[in-house]
Amino acid sequence: MDRNNEVIQTHPVVGWDISTVDVYDAMMIRLHYLSSMDQPQEDALVDRTLWLTTDVARQLINILEAGIAKIESSESLSIILCNCHRIKGDRSGGHRTR
């Protein structure tokens, strides 16, 4: 199968349950998600219970933070490029003069 043409079905996460399991130095997590875009959030499905060691939880945190930073830097770049494009077409350097 050609991975470029592969459709990956996704479900938006709308909540979670997290608790610690001190005996095992671990955490348990259950994700709440929507199976369709028109499903009300209060009818979210609850996934199976997963457990993470503290090491895996730290790795997950680092990956999520890196992903957020990448998304936010892309958004900032888009805003900067959009503003530069608008200013570039304005001969006053972006400032209106009378």
PDB file of N, CA and C in Angstrom:
ATOM      1  N   MET A   1       0.847  -1.188   0.000  1.00  0.00           N
ATOM      2  CA  MET A   1       0.000   0.000   0.000  1.00  0.00           C
ATOM      3  C   MET A   1       0.887   1.244   0.000  1.00  0.00           C
ATOM      4  N   ASP A   2       0.539   2.198  -0.828  1.00  0.00           N
ATOM      5  CA  ASP A   2       1.277   3.453  -0.914  1.00  0.00           C
ATOM      6  C   ASP A   2       0.942   4.325   0.289  1.00  0.00           C
ATOM      7  N   ARG A   3       1.931   4.592   1.138  1.00  0.00           N
ATOM      8  CA  ARG A   3       1.692   5.352   2.372  1.00  0.00           C
ATOM      9  C   ARG A   3       1.233   6.784   2.088  1.00  0.00           C
ATOM     10  N   ASN A   4       1.607   7.342   0.936  1.00  0.00           N
ATOM     11  CA  ASN A   4       1.189   8.705   0.605  1.00  0.00           C
ATOM     12  C   ASN A   4      -0.307   8.793   0.349  1.00  0.00           C
ATOM     13  N   ASN A   5      -0.909   7.697  -0.091  1.00  0.00           N
ATOM     14  CA  ASN A   5      -2.343   7.681  -0.376  1.00  0.00           C
ATOM     15  C   ASN A   5      -3.148   7.088   0.769  1.00  0.00           C
ATOM     16  N   GLU A   6      -2.476   6.671   1.827  1.00  0.00           N
ATOM     17  CA  GLU A   6      -3.143   6.040   2.956  1.00  0.00           C
ATOM     18  C   GLU A   6      -3.950   7.075   3.741  1.00  0.00           C
ATOM     19  N   VAL A   7      -5.184   6.738   4.042  1.00  0.00           N
ATOM     20  CA  VAL A   7      -6.040   7.607   4.841  1.00  0.00           C
ATOM     21  C   VAL A   7      -6.005   7.098   6.273  1.00  0.00           C
ATOM     22  N   ILE A   8      -5.655   7.973   7.191  1.00  0.00           N
ATOM     23  CA  ILE A   8      -5.591   7.603   8.603  1.00  0.00           C
ATOM     24  C   ILE A   8      -6.803   8.200   9.290  1.00  0.00           C
ATOM     25  N   GLN A   9      -7.648   7.330   9.821  1.00  0.00           N
ATOM     26  CA  GLN A   9      -8.837   7.805  10.519  1.00  0.00           C
ATOM     27  C   GLN A   9      -8.415   8.361  11.876  1.00  0.00           C
ATOM     28  N   THR A  10      -8.853   9.573  12.176  1.00  0.00           N
ATOM     29  CA  THR A  10      -8.489  10.213  13.438  1.00  0.00           C
ATOM     30  C   THR A  10      -9.738  10.571  14.229  1.00  0.00           C
ATOM     31  N   HIS A  11      -9.558  10.720  15.526  1.00  0.00           N
ATOM     32  CA  HIS A  11     -10.646  11.065  16.434  1.00  0.00           C
ATOM     33  C   HIS A  11     -10.136  12.133  17.398  1.00  0.00           C
ATOM     34  N   PRO A  12     -10.802  13.281  17.481  1.00  0.00           N
ATOM     35  CA  PRO A  12     -10.326  14.337  18.376  1.00  0.00           C
ATOM     36  C   PRO A  12     -10.451  13.944  19.849  1.00  0.00           C
ATOM     37  N   VAL A  13      -9.375  14.146  20.589  1.00  0.00           N
ATOM     38  CA  VAL A  13      -9.381  13.909  22.039  1.00  0.00           C
ATOM     39  C   VAL A  13     -10.024  15.118  22.699  1.00  0.00           C
ATOM     40  N   VAL A  14     -10.989  14.865  23.583  1.00  0.00           N
ATOM     41  CA  VAL A  14     -11.710  15.959  24.239  1.00  0.00           C
ATOM     42  C   VAL A  14     -11.573  15.916  25.762  1.00  0.00           C
ATOM     43  N   GLY A  15     -10.839  14.935  26.266  1.00  0.00           N
ATOM     44  CA  GLY A  15     -10.643  14.854  27.710  1.00  0.00           C
ATOM     45  C   GLY A  15      -9.842  13.610  28.064  1.00  0.00           C
ATOM     46  N   TRP A  16      -9.615  13.432  29.349  1.00  0.00           N
ATOM     47  CA  TRP A  16      -8.851  12.283  29.817  1.00  0.00           C
ATOM     48  C   TRP A  16      -9.056  12.096  31.308  1.00  0.00           C
ATOM     49  N   ASP A  17      -8.764  10.889  31.768  1.00  0.00           N
ATOM     50  CA  ASP A  17      -8.692  10.565  33.190  1.00  0.00           C
ATOM     51  C   ASP A  17      -7.260  10.120  33.440  1.00  0.00           C
ATOM     52  N   ILE A  18      -6.624  10.707  34.429  1.00  0.00           N
ATOM     53  CA  ILE A  18      -5.251  10.324  34.765  1.00  0.00           C
ATOM     54  C   ILE A  18      -5.175  10.097  36.263  1.00  0.00           C
ATOM     55  N   SER A  19      -4.537   9.003  36.646  1.00  0.00           N
ATOM     56  CA  SER A  19      -4.314   8.745  38.068  1.00  0.00           C
ATOM     57  C   SER A  19      -2.948   8.092  38.233  1.00  0.00           C
ATOM     58  N   THR A  20      -2.406   8.205  39.421  1.00  0.00           N
ATOM     59  CA  THR A  20      -1.101   7.599  39.697  1.00  0.00           C
ATOM     60  C   THR A  20      -1.295   6.240  40.351  1.00  0.00           C
ATOM     61  N   VAL A  21      -0.352   5.348  40.088  1.00  0.00           N
ATOM     62  CA  VAL A  21      -0.318   4.030  40.712  1.00  0.00           C
ATOM     63  C   VAL A  21       1.021   3.960  41.428  1.00  0.00           C
ATOM     64  N   ASP A  22       1.013   4.441  42.669  1.00  0.00           N
ATOM     65  CA  ASP A  22       2.261   4.594  43.420  1.00  0.00           C
ATOM     66  C   ASP A  22       3.012   3.280  43.596  1.00  0.00           C
ATOM     67  N   VAL A  23       2.296   2.187  43.749  1.00  0.00           N
ATOM     68  CA  VAL A  23       2.938   0.890  43.970  1.00  0.00           C
ATOM     69  C   VAL A  23       3.851   0.524  42.804  1.00  0.00           C
ATOM     70  N   TYR A  24       3.460   0.929  41.590  1.00  0.00           N
ATOM     71  CA  TYR A  24       4.230   0.597  40.396  1.00  0.00           C
ATOM     72  C   TYR A  24       5.026   1.777  39.848  1.00  0.00           C
ATOM     73  N   ASP A  25       5.027   2.908  40.547  1.00  0.00           N
ATOM     74  CA  ASP A  25       5.675   4.112  40.017  1.00  0.00           C
ATOM     75  C   ASP A  25       5.207   4.383  38.587  1.00  0.00           C
ATOM     76  N   ALA A  26       3.897   4.384  38.426  1.00  0.00           N
ATOM     77  CA  ALA A  26       3.328   4.534  37.090  1.00  0.00           C
ATOM     78  C   ALA A  26       2.082   5.414  37.142  1.00  0.00           C
ATOM     79  N   MET A  27       1.562   5.707  35.961  1.00  0.00           N
ATOM     80  CA  MET A  27       0.332   6.485  35.834  1.00  0.00           C
ATOM     81  C   MET A  27      -0.620   5.725  34.920  1.00  0.00           C
ATOM     82  N   MET A  28      -1.900   5.847  35.214  1.00  0.00           N
ATOM     83  CA  MET A  28      -2.922   5.276  34.345  1.00  0.00           C
ATOM     84  C   MET A  28      -3.613   6.422  33.631  1.00  0.00           C
ATOM     85  N   ILE A  29      -3.927   6.204  32.346  1.00  0.00           N
ATOM     86  CA  ILE A  29      -4.579   7.241  31.557  1.00  0.00           C
ATOM     87  C   ILE A  29      -5.657   6.616  30.677  1.00  0.00           C
ATOM     88  N   ARG A  30      -6.782   7.297  30.596  1.00  0.00           N
ATOM     89  CA  ARG A  30      -7.860   6.937  29.665  1.00  0.00           C
ATOM     90  C   ARG A  30      -8.219   8.191  28.884  1.00  0.00           C
ATOM     91  N   LEU A  31      -8.171   8.088  27.569  1.00  0.00           N
ATOM     92  CA  LEU A  31      -8.507   9.232  26.723  1.00  0.00           C
ATOM     93  C   LEU A  31      -9.993   9.214  26.383  1.00  0.00           C
ATOM     94  N   HIS A  32     -10.597  10.385  26.356  1.00  0.00           N
ATOM     95  CA  HIS A  32     -11.986  10.556  25.935  1.00  0.00           C
ATOM     96  C   HIS A  32     -11.933  11.161  24.539  1.00  0.00           C
ATOM     97  N   TYR A  33     -12.675  10.582  23.602  1.00  0.00           N
ATOM     98  CA  TYR A  33     -12.597  11.059  22.224  1.00  0.00           C
ATOM     99  C   TYR A  33     -13.958  11.010  21.543  1.00  0.00           C
ATOM    100  N   LEU A  34     -14.047  11.742  20.444  1.00  0.00           N
ATOM    101  CA  LEU A  34     -15.263  11.761  19.639  1.00  0.00           C
ATOM    102  C   LEU A  34     -15.072  10.837  18.445  1.00  0.00           C
ATOM    103  N   SER A  35     -16.090  10.054  18.142  1.00  0.00           N
ATOM    104  CA  SER A  35     -15.996   9.145  16.998  1.00  0.00           C
ATOM    105  C   SER A  35     -16.458   9.811  15.707  1.00  0.00           C
ATOM    106  N   SER A  36     -17.147  10.949  15.824  1.00  0.00           N
ATOM    107  CA  SER A  36     -17.562  11.707  14.646  1.00  0.00           C
ATOM    108  C   SER A  36     -17.596  13.187  15.009  1.00  0.00           C
ATOM    109  N   MET A  37     -17.501  14.026  14.002  1.00  0.00           N
ATOM    110  CA  MET A  37     -17.437  15.468  14.243  1.00  0.00           C
ATOM    111  C   MET A  37     -18.754  16.037  14.764  1.00  0.00           C
ATOM    112  N   ASP A  38     -19.862  15.347  14.509  1.00  0.00           N
ATOM    113  CA  ASP A  38     -21.151  15.850  14.981  1.00  0.00           C
ATOM    114  C   ASP A  38     -21.563  15.259  16.329  1.00  0.00           C
ATOM    115  N   GLN A  39     -20.700  14.459  16.924  1.00  0.00           N
ATOM    116  CA  GLN A  39     -20.987  13.856  18.227  1.00  0.00           C
ATOM    117  C   GLN A  39     -20.809  14.902  19.327  1.00  0.00           C
ATOM    118  N   PRO A  40     -21.804  15.052  20.215  1.00  0.00           N
ATOM    119  CA  PRO A  40     -21.655  16.008  21.319  1.00  0.00           C
ATOM    120  C   PRO A  40     -20.519  15.582  22.259  1.00  0.00           C
ATOM    121  N   GLN A  41     -19.822  16.555  22.793  1.00  0.00           N
ATOM    122  CA  GLN A  41     -18.678  16.272  23.659  1.00  0.00           C
ATOM    123  C   GLN A  41     -19.083  15.470  24.895  1.00  0.00           C
ATOM    124  N   GLU A  42     -20.295  15.708  25.401  1.00  0.00           N
ATOM    125  CA  GLU A  42     -20.733  14.970  26.591  1.00  0.00           C
ATOM    126  C   GLU A  42     -20.980  13.487  26.294  1.00  0.00           C
ATOM    127  N   ASP A  43     -21.039  13.119  25.003  1.00  0.00           N
ATOM    128  CA  ASP A  43     -21.205  11.718  24.615  1.00  0.00           C
ATOM    129  C   ASP A  43     -19.885  11.096  24.168  1.00  0.00           C
ATOM    130  N   ALA A  44     -18.776  11.690  24.563  1.00  0.00           N
ATOM    131  CA  ALA A  44     -17.457  11.200  24.155  1.00  0.00           C
ATOM    132  C   ALA A  44     -17.264   9.749  24.589  1.00  0.00           C
ATOM    133  N   LEU A  45     -16.554   9.016  23.764  1.00  0.00           N
ATOM    134  CA  LEU A  45     -16.208   7.638  24.088  1.00  0.00           C
ATOM    135  C   LEU A  45     -14.968   7.639  24.968  1.00  0.00           C
ATOM    136  N   VAL A  46     -14.877   6.650  25.852  1.00  0.00           N
ATOM    137  CA  VAL A  46     -13.721   6.526  26.735  1.00  0.00           C
ATOM    138  C   VAL A  46     -12.925   5.309  26.282  1.00  0.00           C
ATOM    139  N   ASP A  47     -11.664   5.538  25.961  1.00  0.00           N
ATOM    140  CA  ASP A  47     -10.794   4.481  25.457  1.00  0.00           C
ATOM    141  C   ASP A  47     -10.369   3.553  26.591  1.00  0.00           C
ATOM    142  N   ARG A  48      -9.663   2.512  26.236  1.00  0.00           N
ATOM    143  CA  ARG A  48      -9.159   1.564  27.236  1.00  0.00           C
ATOM    144  C   ARG A  48      -8.184   2.254  28.182  1.00  0.00           C
ATOM    145  N   THR A  49      -7.969   1.661  29.322  1.00  0.00           N
ATOM    146  CA  THR A  49      -7.043   2.210  30.314  1.00  0.00           C
ATOM    147  C   THR A  49      -5.624   1.775  29.959  1.00  0.00           C
ATOM    148  N   LEU A  50      -4.754   2.764  29.845  1.00  0.00           N
ATOM    149  CA  LEU A  50      -3.343   2.516  29.538  1.00  0.00           C
ATOM    150  C   LEU A  50      -2.513   2.912  30.742  1.00  0.00           C
ATOM    151  N   TRP A  51      -1.355   2.329  30.882  1.00  0.00           N
ATOM    152  CA  TRP A  51      -0.493   2.789  31.955  1.00  0.00           C
ATOM    153  C   TRP A  51       0.870   3.137  31.404  1.00  0.00           C
ATOM    154  N   LEU A  52       1.453   4.160  32.023  1.00  0.00           N
ATOM    155  CA  LEU A  52       2.739   4.691  31.593  1.00  0.00           C
ATOM    156  C   LEU A  52       3.691   4.692  32.784  1.00  0.00           C
ATOM    157  N   THR A  53       4.900   4.252  32.544  1.00  0.00           N
ATOM    158  CA  THR A  53       5.913   4.428  33.581  1.00  0.00           C
ATOM    159  C   THR A  53       6.258   5.914  33.639  1.00  0.00           C
ATOM    160  N   THR A  54       6.926   6.322  34.688  1.00  0.00           N
ATOM    161  CA  THR A  54       7.301   7.736  34.779  1.00  0.00           C
ATOM    162  C   THR A  54       8.243   8.119  33.634  1.00  0.00           C
ATOM    163  N   ASP A  55       9.119   7.200  33.224  1.00  0.00           N
ATOM    164  CA  ASP A  55      10.019   7.491  32.100  1.00  0.00           C
ATOM    165  C   ASP A  55       9.241   7.706  30.803  1.00  0.00           C
ATOM    166  N   VAL A  56       8.271   6.851  30.535  1.00  0.00           N
ATOM    167  CA  VAL A  56       7.466   6.994  29.321  1.00  0.00           C
ATOM    168  C   VAL A  56       6.619   8.260  29.401  1.00  0.00           C
ATOM    169  N   ALA A  57       6.090   8.574  30.575  1.00  0.00           N
ATOM    170  CA  ALA A  57       5.297   9.802  30.748  1.00  0.00           C
ATOM    171  C   ALA A  57       6.159  11.029  30.453  1.00  0.00           C
ATOM    172  N   ARG A  58       7.407  11.030  30.917  1.00  0.00           N
ATOM    173  CA  ARG A  58       8.314  12.155  30.634  1.00  0.00           C
ATOM    174  C   ARG A  58       8.597  12.274  29.139  1.00  0.00           C
ATOM    175  N   GLN A  59       8.806  11.133  28.479  1.00  0.00           N
ATOM    176  CA  GLN A  59       9.042  11.149  27.035  1.00  0.00           C
ATOM    177  C   GLN A  59       7.830  11.715  26.299  1.00  0.00           C
ATOM    178  N   LEU A  60       6.634  11.313  26.728  1.00  0.00           N
ATOM    179  CA  LEU A  60       5.408  11.817  26.114  1.00  0.00           C
ATOM    180  C   LEU A  60       5.289  13.325  26.305  1.00  0.00           C
ATOM    181  N   ILE A  61       5.581  13.796  27.505  1.00  0.00           N
ATOM    182  CA  ILE A  61       5.547  15.240  27.779  1.00  0.00           C
ATOM    183  C   ILE A  61       6.511  15.974  26.850  1.00  0.00           C
ATOM    184  N   ASN A  62       7.732  15.464  26.717  1.00  0.00           N
ATOM    185  CA  ASN A  62       8.733  16.110  25.858  1.00  0.00           C
ATOM    186  C   ASN A  62       8.294  16.143  24.398  1.00  0.00           C
ATOM    187  N   ILE A  63       7.717  15.046  23.924  1.00  0.00           N
ATOM    188  CA  ILE A  63       7.260  14.991  22.535  1.00  0.00           C
ATOM    189  C   ILE A  63       6.106  15.960  22.316  1.00  0.00           C
ATOM    190  N   LEU A  64       5.168  16.007  23.263  1.00  0.00           N
ATOM    191  CA  LEU A  64       4.042  16.939  23.145  1.00  0.00           C
ATOM    192  C   LEU A  64       4.525  18.386  23.161  1.00  0.00           C
ATOM    193  N   GLU A  65       5.457  18.709  24.062  1.00  0.00           N
ATOM    194  CA  GLU A  65       5.983  20.079  24.128  1.00  0.00           C
ATOM    195  C   GLU A  65       6.708  20.456  22.838  1.00  0.00           C
ATOM    196  N   ALA A  66       7.470  19.518  22.272  1.00  0.00           N
ATOM    197  CA  ALA A  66       8.178  19.789  21.015  1.00  0.00           C
ATOM    198  C   ALA A  66       7.177  20.011  19.879  1.00  0.00           C
ATOM    199  N   GLY A  67       6.125  19.215  19.848  1.00  0.00           N
ATOM    200  CA  GLY A  67       5.097  19.389  18.826  1.00  0.00           C
ATOM    201  C   GLY A  67       4.391  20.723  18.951  1.00  0.00           C
ATOM    202  N   ILE A  68       4.073  21.117  20.177  1.00  0.00           N
ATOM    203  CA  ILE A  68       3.425  22.412  20.419  1.00  0.00           C
ATOM    204  C   ILE A  68       4.348  23.544  19.974  1.00  0.00           C
ATOM    205  N   ALA A  69       5.625  23.453  20.323  1.00  0.00           N
ATOM    206  CA  ALA A  69       6.584  24.496  19.933  1.00  0.00           C
ATOM    207  C   ALA A  69       6.678  24.606  18.412  1.00  0.00           C
ATOM    208  N   LYS A  70       6.689  23.472  17.732  1.00  0.00           N
ATOM    209  CA  LYS A  70       6.762  23.484  16.266  1.00  0.00           C
ATOM    210  C   LYS A  70       5.519  24.138  15.675  1.00  0.00           C
ATOM    211  N   ILE A  71       4.353  23.770  16.178  1.00  0.00           N
ATOM    212  CA  ILE A  71       3.102  24.349  15.678  1.00  0.00           C
ATOM    213  C   ILE A  71       3.077  25.847  15.938  1.00  0.00           C
ATOM    214  N   GLU A  72       3.439  26.250  17.156  1.00  0.00           N
ATOM    215  CA  GLU A  72       3.408  27.677  17.498  1.00  0.00           C
ATOM    216  C   GLU A  72       4.421  28.471  16.693  1.00  0.00           C
ATOM    217  N   SER A  73       5.591  27.905  16.412  1.00  0.00           N
ATOM    218  CA  SER A  73       6.578  28.638  15.614  1.00  0.00           C
ATOM    219  C   SER A  73       6.112  28.743  14.166  1.00  0.00           C
ATOM    220  N   SER A  74       5.427  27.738  13.664  1.00  0.00           N
ATOM    221  CA  SER A  74       4.871  27.800  12.308  1.00  0.00           C
ATOM    222  C   SER A  74       3.789  28.856  12.231  1.00  0.00           C
ATOM    223  N   GLU A  75       2.947  28.947  13.268  1.00  0.00           N
ATOM    224  CA  GLU A  75       1.903  29.965  13.298  1.00  0.00           C
ATOM    225  C   GLU A  75       2.527  31.352  13.339  1.00  0.00           C
ATOM    226  N   SER A  76       3.580  31.524  14.133  1.00  0.00           N
ATOM    227  CA  SER A  76       4.254  32.819  14.218  1.00  0.00           C
ATOM    228  C   SER A  76       4.862  33.182  12.878  1.00  0.00           C
ATOM    229  N   LEU A  77       5.473  32.220  12.216  1.00  0.00           N
ATOM    230  CA  LEU A  77       6.078  32.468  10.913  1.00  0.00           C
ATOM    231  C   LEU A  77       5.007  32.859   9.905  1.00  0.00           C
ATOM    232  N   SER A  78       3.855  32.187   9.943  1.00  0.00           N
ATOM    233  CA  SER A  78       2.766  32.525   9.026  1.00  0.00           C
ATOM    234  C   SER A  78       2.285  33.944   9.263  1.00  0.00           C
ATOM    235  N   ILE A  79       2.175  34.345  10.515  1.00  0.00           N
ATOM    236  CA  ILE A  79       1.730  35.701  10.843  1.00  0.00           C
ATOM    237  C   ILE A  79       2.758  36.714  10.351  1.00  0.00           C
ATOM    238  N   ILE A  80       4.041  36.439  10.575  1.00  0.00           N
ATOM    239  CA  ILE A  80       5.105  37.348  10.137  1.00  0.00           C
ATOM    240  C   ILE A  80       5.100  37.463   8.617  1.00  0.00           C
ATOM    241  N   LEU A  81       5.007  36.321   7.917  1.00  0.00           N
ATOM    242  CA  LEU A  81       4.990  36.355   6.457  1.00  0.00           C
ATOM    243  C   LEU A  81       3.775  37.107   5.946  1.00  0.00           C
ATOM    244  N   CYS A  82       2.651  36.910   6.579  1.00  0.00           N
ATOM    245  CA  CYS A  82       1.429  37.601   6.171  1.00  0.00           C
ATOM    246  C   CYS A  82       1.598  39.106   6.358  1.00  0.00           C
ATOM    247  N   ASN A  83       2.144  39.536   7.476  1.00  0.00           N
ATOM    248  CA  ASN A  83       2.355  40.961   7.731  1.00  0.00           C
ATOM    249  C   ASN A  83       3.385  41.548   6.778  1.00  0.00           C
ATOM    250  N   CYS A  84       4.455  40.814   6.495  1.00  0.00           N
ATOM    251  CA  CYS A  84       5.477  41.314   5.575  1.00  0.00           C
ATOM    252  C   CYS A  84       4.897  41.482   4.185  1.00  0.00           C
ATOM    253  N   HIS A  85       4.085  40.558   3.777  1.00  0.00           N
ATOM    254  CA  HIS A  85       3.474  40.646   2.451  1.00  0.00           C
ATOM    255  C   HIS A  85       2.605  41.894   2.354  1.00  0.00           C
ATOM    256  N   ARG A  86       1.845  42.162   3.388  1.00  0.00           N
ATOM    257  CA  ARG A  86       0.974  43.334   3.378  1.00  0.00           C
ATOM    258  C   ARG A  86       1.810  44.609   3.387  1.00  0.00           C
ATOM    259  N   ILE A  87       2.848  44.644   4.196  1.00  0.00           N
ATOM    260  CA  ILE A  87       3.692  45.837   4.289  1.00  0.00           C
ATOM    261  C   ILE A  87       4.472  46.034   2.993  1.00  0.00           C
ATOM    262  N   LYS A  88       4.899  44.941   2.370  1.00  0.00           N
ATOM    263  CA  LYS A  88       5.676  45.030   1.137  1.00  0.00           C
ATOM    264  C   LYS A  88       4.913  45.790   0.051  1.00  0.00           C
ATOM    265  N   GLY A  89       3.621  45.595  -0.028  1.00  0.00           N
ATOM    266  CA  GLY A  89       2.821  46.276  -1.035  1.00  0.00           C
ATOM    267  C   GLY A  89       2.513  47.720  -0.683  1.00  0.00           C
ATOM    268  N   ASP A  90       2.816  48.141   0.539  1.00  0.00           N
ATOM    269  CA  ASP A  90       2.519  49.494   1.024  1.00  0.00           C
ATOM    270  C   ASP A  90       3.806  50.307   0.967  1.00  0.00           C
ATOM    271  N   ARG A  91       3.894  51.297   0.090  1.00  0.00           N
ATOM    272  CA  ARG A  91       5.123  52.064  -0.107  1.00  0.00           C
ATOM    273  C   ARG A  91       5.491  52.936   1.083  1.00  0.00           C
ATOM    274  N   SER A  92       4.577  53.129   2.008  1.00  0.00           N
ATOM    275  CA  SER A  92       4.890  53.971   3.167  1.00  0.00           C
ATOM    276  C   SER A  92       5.608  53.179   4.258  1.00  0.00           C
ATOM    277  N   GLY A  93       5.970  51.921   3.961  1.00  0.00           N
ATOM    278  CA  GLY A  93       6.664  51.117   4.959  1.00  0.00           C
ATOM    279  C   GLY A  93       5.726  50.588   6.027  1.00  0.00           C
ATOM    280  N   GLY A  94       4.455  50.557   5.729  1.00  0.00           N
ATOM    281  CA  GLY A  94       3.495  50.027   6.676  1.00  0.00           C
ATOM    282  C   GLY A  94       2.841  51.096   7.514  1.00  0.00           C
ATOM    283  N   HIS A  95       3.324  52.333   7.419  1.00  0.00           N
ATOM    284  CA  HIS A  95       2.752  53.438   8.192  1.00  0.00           C
ATOM    285  C   HIS A  95       2.002  54.370   7.252  1.00  0.00           C
ATOM    286  N   ARG A  96       0.858  54.772   7.638  1.00  0.00           N
ATOM    287  CA  ARG A  96       0.066  55.708   6.832  1.00  0.00           C
ATOM    288  C   ARG A  96       0.517  57.133   7.130  1.00  0.00           C
ATOM    289  N   THR A  97       0.743  57.890   6.083  1.00  0.00           N
ATOM    290  CA  THR A  97       1.105  59.302   6.261  1.00  0.00           C
ATOM    291  C   THR A  97       0.094  60.158   5.529  1.00  0.00           C
ATOM    292  N   ARG A  98      -0.048  61.388   5.961  1.00  0.00           N
ATOM    293  CA  ARG A  98      -0.990  62.306   5.307  1.00  0.00           C
ATOM    294  C   ARG A  98      -0.247  63.277   4.451  1.00  0.00           C
TER     295      ARG A  98
END
